[in-house]
N, C-alpha and C. Protein backbone atom coordinates (compact mmCIF):
# COMPACT_ATOMS: atom_id res chain seq x y z
N UNK A 1 10.02 -37.25 0.92
CA UNK A 1 9.47 -36.01 1.39
C UNK A 1 8.54 -36.30 2.57
N UNK A 2 8.66 -35.50 3.59
CA UNK A 2 7.80 -35.62 4.75
C UNK A 2 6.53 -34.78 4.55
N UNK A 3 5.48 -35.17 5.22
CA UNK A 3 4.22 -34.45 5.18
C UNK A 3 4.41 -32.98 5.55
N UNK A 4 5.32 -32.71 6.47
CA UNK A 4 5.55 -31.34 6.94
C UNK A 4 5.98 -30.39 5.82
N UNK A 5 6.44 -30.93 4.70
CA UNK A 5 6.87 -30.07 3.60
C UNK A 5 5.69 -29.48 2.82
N UNK A 6 4.51 -30.09 2.93
CA UNK A 6 3.36 -29.57 2.19
C UNK A 6 2.17 -29.20 3.10
N UNK A 7 2.32 -29.44 4.41
CA UNK A 7 1.20 -29.19 5.31
C UNK A 7 1.68 -28.84 6.71
N UNK A 8 0.80 -28.21 7.44
CA UNK A 8 1.04 -28.01 8.87
C UNK A 8 -0.07 -28.72 9.62
N UNK A 9 0.05 -28.82 10.93
CA UNK A 9 -0.92 -29.59 11.70
C UNK A 9 -1.23 -28.91 13.02
N UNK A 10 -2.42 -29.18 13.52
CA UNK A 10 -2.87 -28.72 14.83
C UNK A 10 -3.49 -29.92 15.52
N UNK A 11 -3.35 -29.97 16.82
CA UNK A 11 -3.92 -31.10 17.55
C UNK A 11 -4.56 -30.64 18.84
N UNK A 12 -5.47 -31.45 19.30
CA UNK A 12 -6.12 -31.20 20.57
C UNK A 12 -6.45 -32.53 21.23
N UNK A 13 -6.88 -32.47 22.46
CA UNK A 13 -7.21 -33.70 23.16
C UNK A 13 -8.41 -33.49 24.05
N UNK A 14 -9.12 -34.56 24.28
CA UNK A 14 -10.24 -34.59 25.20
C UNK A 14 -10.30 -35.99 25.76
N UNK A 15 -9.99 -36.12 27.04
CA UNK A 15 -9.97 -37.45 27.64
C UNK A 15 -8.88 -38.29 27.00
N UNK A 16 -9.27 -39.43 26.44
CA UNK A 16 -8.33 -40.36 25.82
C UNK A 16 -8.38 -40.28 24.29
N UNK A 17 -8.89 -39.16 23.77
CA UNK A 17 -9.05 -39.00 22.33
C UNK A 17 -8.19 -37.83 21.86
N UNK A 18 -7.44 -38.06 20.79
CA UNK A 18 -6.65 -37.00 20.17
C UNK A 18 -7.26 -36.67 18.82
N UNK A 19 -7.34 -35.39 18.53
CA UNK A 19 -7.83 -34.91 17.24
C UNK A 19 -6.70 -34.15 16.57
N UNK A 20 -6.33 -34.57 15.37
CA UNK A 20 -5.21 -33.95 14.66
C UNK A 20 -5.67 -33.51 13.28
N UNK A 21 -5.54 -32.22 13.01
CA UNK A 21 -5.87 -31.69 11.69
C UNK A 21 -4.59 -31.45 10.90
N UNK A 22 -4.64 -31.82 9.63
CA UNK A 22 -3.53 -31.61 8.70
C UNK A 22 -4.05 -30.66 7.63
N UNK A 23 -3.36 -29.53 7.47
CA UNK A 23 -3.83 -28.47 6.58
C UNK A 23 -2.77 -28.21 5.52
N UNK A 24 -3.17 -28.33 4.26
CA UNK A 24 -2.23 -28.08 3.16
C UNK A 24 -1.84 -26.61 3.14
N UNK A 25 -0.55 -26.36 2.91
CA UNK A 25 -0.10 -24.97 2.75
C UNK A 25 -0.70 -24.37 1.48
N UNK A 26 -0.76 -25.18 0.43
CA UNK A 26 -1.27 -24.71 -0.87
C UNK A 26 -2.49 -25.54 -1.26
N UNK A 27 -3.54 -24.92 -1.74
CA UNK A 27 -4.74 -25.67 -2.13
C UNK A 27 -4.46 -26.79 -3.12
N UNK A 28 -3.50 -26.60 -4.01
CA UNK A 28 -3.22 -27.63 -5.02
C UNK A 28 -2.61 -28.90 -4.41
N UNK A 29 -2.17 -28.86 -3.17
CA UNK A 29 -1.64 -30.06 -2.52
C UNK A 29 -2.71 -30.86 -1.78
N UNK A 30 -3.93 -30.32 -1.67
CA UNK A 30 -5.00 -31.03 -0.97
C UNK A 30 -5.31 -32.40 -1.61
N UNK A 31 -5.37 -32.52 -2.94
CA UNK A 31 -5.62 -33.85 -3.52
C UNK A 31 -4.56 -34.89 -3.11
N UNK A 32 -3.32 -34.46 -2.95
CA UNK A 32 -2.27 -35.37 -2.49
C UNK A 32 -2.55 -35.81 -1.05
N UNK A 33 -2.97 -34.88 -0.21
CA UNK A 33 -3.34 -35.27 1.16
C UNK A 33 -4.44 -36.32 1.13
N UNK A 34 -5.46 -36.10 0.30
CA UNK A 34 -6.57 -37.04 0.21
C UNK A 34 -6.10 -38.44 -0.17
N UNK A 35 -5.17 -38.51 -1.12
CA UNK A 35 -4.68 -39.81 -1.60
C UNK A 35 -3.69 -40.47 -0.64
N UNK A 36 -2.82 -39.69 -0.05
CA UNK A 36 -1.69 -40.28 0.68
C UNK A 36 -1.86 -40.36 2.19
N UNK A 37 -2.65 -39.49 2.77
CA UNK A 37 -2.80 -39.49 4.24
C UNK A 37 -4.13 -40.18 4.56
N UNK A 38 -4.09 -41.49 4.50
CA UNK A 38 -5.29 -42.31 4.68
C UNK A 38 -5.44 -42.75 6.14
N UNK A 39 -6.61 -43.24 6.46
CA UNK A 39 -6.85 -43.79 7.80
C UNK A 39 -5.86 -44.91 8.08
N UNK A 40 -5.64 -45.75 7.09
CA UNK A 40 -4.73 -46.89 7.28
C UNK A 40 -3.30 -46.43 7.58
N UNK A 41 -2.83 -45.45 6.84
CA UNK A 41 -1.46 -44.95 7.05
C UNK A 41 -1.33 -44.26 8.40
N UNK A 42 -2.33 -43.46 8.78
CA UNK A 42 -2.28 -42.78 10.07
C UNK A 42 -2.36 -43.79 11.21
N UNK A 43 -3.23 -44.77 11.09
CA UNK A 43 -3.34 -45.81 12.12
C UNK A 43 -2.01 -46.56 12.26
N UNK A 44 -1.37 -46.87 11.15
CA UNK A 44 -0.07 -47.55 11.21
C UNK A 44 0.99 -46.65 11.83
N UNK A 45 0.97 -45.38 11.47
CA UNK A 45 1.96 -44.42 11.97
C UNK A 45 1.85 -44.26 13.50
N UNK A 46 0.63 -44.33 14.01
CA UNK A 46 0.39 -44.16 15.44
C UNK A 46 0.08 -45.49 16.14
N UNK A 47 0.46 -46.59 15.53
CA UNK A 47 0.09 -47.91 16.07
C UNK A 47 0.60 -48.16 17.49
N UNK A 48 1.69 -47.53 17.87
CA UNK A 48 2.20 -47.73 19.23
C UNK A 48 1.46 -46.88 20.25
N UNK A 49 0.65 -45.93 19.78
CA UNK A 49 -0.08 -45.03 20.69
C UNK A 49 -1.58 -45.25 20.66
N UNK A 50 -2.16 -45.25 19.47
CA UNK A 50 -3.62 -45.29 19.33
C UNK A 50 -4.12 -46.73 19.49
N UNK A 51 -4.87 -46.96 20.54
CA UNK A 51 -5.39 -48.30 20.82
C UNK A 51 -6.81 -48.50 20.30
N UNK A 52 -7.43 -47.43 19.87
CA UNK A 52 -8.80 -47.50 19.36
C UNK A 52 -8.85 -47.17 17.88
N UNK A 53 -10.05 -46.99 17.38
CA UNK A 53 -10.20 -46.68 15.95
C UNK A 53 -9.68 -45.30 15.59
N UNK A 54 -9.35 -45.15 14.32
CA UNK A 54 -8.93 -43.86 13.75
C UNK A 54 -9.98 -43.50 12.70
N UNK A 55 -10.48 -42.27 12.77
CA UNK A 55 -11.46 -41.79 11.80
C UNK A 55 -10.90 -40.56 11.09
N UNK A 56 -11.26 -40.39 9.80
CA UNK A 56 -10.82 -39.24 9.02
C UNK A 56 -12.03 -38.45 8.56
N UNK A 57 -11.93 -37.15 8.70
CA UNK A 57 -12.95 -36.24 8.21
C UNK A 57 -12.30 -35.29 7.21
N UNK A 58 -12.92 -35.15 6.05
CA UNK A 58 -12.39 -34.28 5.00
C UNK A 58 -13.03 -32.90 5.11
N UNK A 59 -12.20 -31.87 4.99
CA UNK A 59 -12.65 -30.48 5.04
C UNK A 59 -12.14 -29.75 3.81
N UNK A 60 -12.75 -30.00 2.65
CA UNK A 60 -12.24 -29.44 1.40
C UNK A 60 -12.19 -27.91 1.36
N UNK A 61 -13.12 -27.24 1.99
CA UNK A 61 -13.11 -25.78 1.97
C UNK A 61 -11.88 -25.21 2.67
N UNK A 62 -11.31 -25.99 3.59
CA UNK A 62 -10.11 -25.57 4.32
C UNK A 62 -8.84 -26.25 3.80
N UNK A 63 -9.00 -27.14 2.81
CA UNK A 63 -7.88 -27.93 2.29
C UNK A 63 -7.23 -28.72 3.42
N UNK A 64 -8.08 -29.34 4.23
CA UNK A 64 -7.60 -30.01 5.44
C UNK A 64 -8.27 -31.35 5.66
N UNK A 65 -7.60 -32.16 6.46
CA UNK A 65 -8.13 -33.43 6.94
C UNK A 65 -8.07 -33.39 8.46
N UNK A 66 -9.07 -33.98 9.10
CA UNK A 66 -9.05 -34.09 10.55
C UNK A 66 -9.11 -35.57 10.90
N UNK A 67 -8.18 -36.00 11.75
CA UNK A 67 -8.14 -37.38 12.20
C UNK A 67 -8.47 -37.44 13.68
N UNK A 68 -9.32 -38.37 14.06
CA UNK A 68 -9.68 -38.59 15.44
C UNK A 68 -9.12 -39.95 15.83
N UNK A 69 -8.23 -39.95 16.82
CA UNK A 69 -7.58 -41.17 17.29
C UNK A 69 -8.09 -41.48 18.69
N UNK A 70 -8.82 -42.57 18.81
CA UNK A 70 -9.35 -42.96 20.12
C UNK A 70 -8.33 -43.84 20.84
N UNK A 71 -8.33 -43.74 22.16
CA UNK A 71 -7.41 -44.54 22.96
C UNK A 71 -5.96 -44.18 22.71
N UNK A 72 -5.70 -42.91 22.43
CA UNK A 72 -4.35 -42.50 22.03
C UNK A 72 -3.56 -41.80 23.13
N UNK A 73 -4.17 -41.60 24.29
CA UNK A 73 -3.51 -40.77 25.30
C UNK A 73 -3.33 -41.49 26.63
N UNK A 74 -3.16 -42.79 26.58
CA UNK A 74 -2.87 -43.55 27.80
C UNK A 74 -3.95 -43.44 28.86
N UNK A 75 -5.20 -43.33 28.44
CA UNK A 75 -6.30 -43.21 29.38
C UNK A 75 -6.71 -41.77 29.63
N UNK A 76 -5.96 -40.82 29.11
CA UNK A 76 -6.27 -39.41 29.30
C UNK A 76 -5.29 -38.76 30.25
N UNK A 77 -5.30 -37.46 30.26
CA UNK A 77 -4.32 -36.68 31.02
C UNK A 77 -4.32 -37.04 32.51
N UNK A 78 -5.47 -37.22 33.09
CA UNK A 78 -5.53 -37.47 34.53
C UNK A 78 -5.28 -38.91 34.91
N UNK A 79 -5.28 -39.84 33.93
CA UNK A 79 -5.10 -41.25 34.24
C UNK A 79 -3.76 -41.82 33.79
N UNK A 80 -3.05 -41.12 32.94
CA UNK A 80 -1.84 -41.65 32.34
C UNK A 80 -0.62 -41.41 33.22
N UNK A 81 0.31 -42.34 33.12
CA UNK A 81 1.61 -42.18 33.79
C UNK A 81 2.63 -41.51 32.88
N UNK A 82 2.23 -41.26 31.63
CA UNK A 82 3.13 -40.60 30.69
C UNK A 82 3.41 -39.18 31.15
N UNK A 83 4.63 -38.74 30.93
CA UNK A 83 5.04 -37.41 31.36
C UNK A 83 4.24 -36.31 30.67
N UNK A 84 4.02 -36.46 29.36
CA UNK A 84 3.22 -35.49 28.62
C UNK A 84 2.15 -36.25 27.87
N UNK A 85 1.01 -36.40 28.48
CA UNK A 85 -0.06 -37.19 27.87
C UNK A 85 -0.98 -36.35 27.00
N UNK A 86 -0.71 -35.08 26.88
CA UNK A 86 -1.56 -34.23 26.06
C UNK A 86 -1.38 -34.54 24.58
N UNK A 87 -2.47 -34.46 23.84
CA UNK A 87 -2.43 -34.75 22.41
C UNK A 87 -1.81 -33.68 21.57
N UNK A 88 -1.51 -32.52 22.14
CA UNK A 88 -0.98 -31.40 21.37
C UNK A 88 0.31 -31.76 20.62
N UNK A 89 1.15 -32.54 21.24
CA UNK A 89 2.43 -32.88 20.63
C UNK A 89 2.29 -33.88 19.48
N UNK A 90 1.14 -34.54 19.35
CA UNK A 90 0.98 -35.54 18.31
C UNK A 90 0.93 -34.94 16.91
N UNK A 91 0.66 -33.63 16.80
CA UNK A 91 0.66 -33.01 15.47
C UNK A 91 2.06 -33.06 14.86
N UNK A 92 3.08 -32.90 15.68
CA UNK A 92 4.47 -32.99 15.18
C UNK A 92 4.78 -34.40 14.72
N UNK A 93 4.26 -35.39 15.43
CA UNK A 93 4.46 -36.79 15.04
C UNK A 93 3.77 -37.06 13.70
N UNK A 94 2.57 -36.53 13.52
CA UNK A 94 1.83 -36.71 12.27
C UNK A 94 2.63 -36.21 11.08
N UNK A 95 3.30 -35.07 11.23
CA UNK A 95 4.02 -34.46 10.11
C UNK A 95 5.26 -35.24 9.69
N UNK A 96 5.60 -36.29 10.40
CA UNK A 96 6.73 -37.14 10.02
C UNK A 96 6.34 -38.22 9.00
N UNK A 97 5.06 -38.33 8.65
CA UNK A 97 4.63 -39.32 7.66
C UNK A 97 5.35 -39.05 6.35
N UNK A 98 5.86 -40.11 5.75
CA UNK A 98 6.53 -40.02 4.45
C UNK A 98 5.48 -39.92 3.35
N UNK A 99 5.69 -38.98 2.44
CA UNK A 99 4.78 -38.77 1.32
C UNK A 99 5.39 -39.34 0.06
N UNK A 100 4.54 -39.73 -0.90
CA UNK A 100 5.07 -40.24 -2.17
C UNK A 100 5.81 -39.15 -2.93
N UNK A 101 6.91 -39.49 -3.54
CA UNK A 101 7.74 -38.52 -4.26
C UNK A 101 7.02 -37.95 -5.48
N UNK A 102 6.26 -38.77 -6.17
CA UNK A 102 5.63 -38.33 -7.42
C UNK A 102 4.29 -37.66 -7.20
N UNK A 103 3.81 -37.64 -5.98
CA UNK A 103 2.51 -37.05 -5.73
C UNK A 103 1.37 -38.00 -6.02
N UNK A 104 1.65 -39.24 -6.28
CA UNK A 104 0.57 -40.19 -6.59
C UNK A 104 0.86 -41.48 -6.00
């Protein structure tokens, strides 16, 4: 099961930093997000992009997690040679993370 089956995501960018929020569709799936969508897994998932640290912020009232990926945009929109250096598209990449079948 992919993360996209239990959550949606929004992303933004500022300079060379991407911020990606993952929001559970149902409140009862938030504990699974907490267990399965870790800093380590997100850093590994974005290892070819994020050159800096990855931080996670928990937002229980929203049933969401926010990840901040530093060094993820090739130097930022104005410095990168990438065709689309904006962080907005990274939310779709985040939703490709494989989730545990049993929920644990």
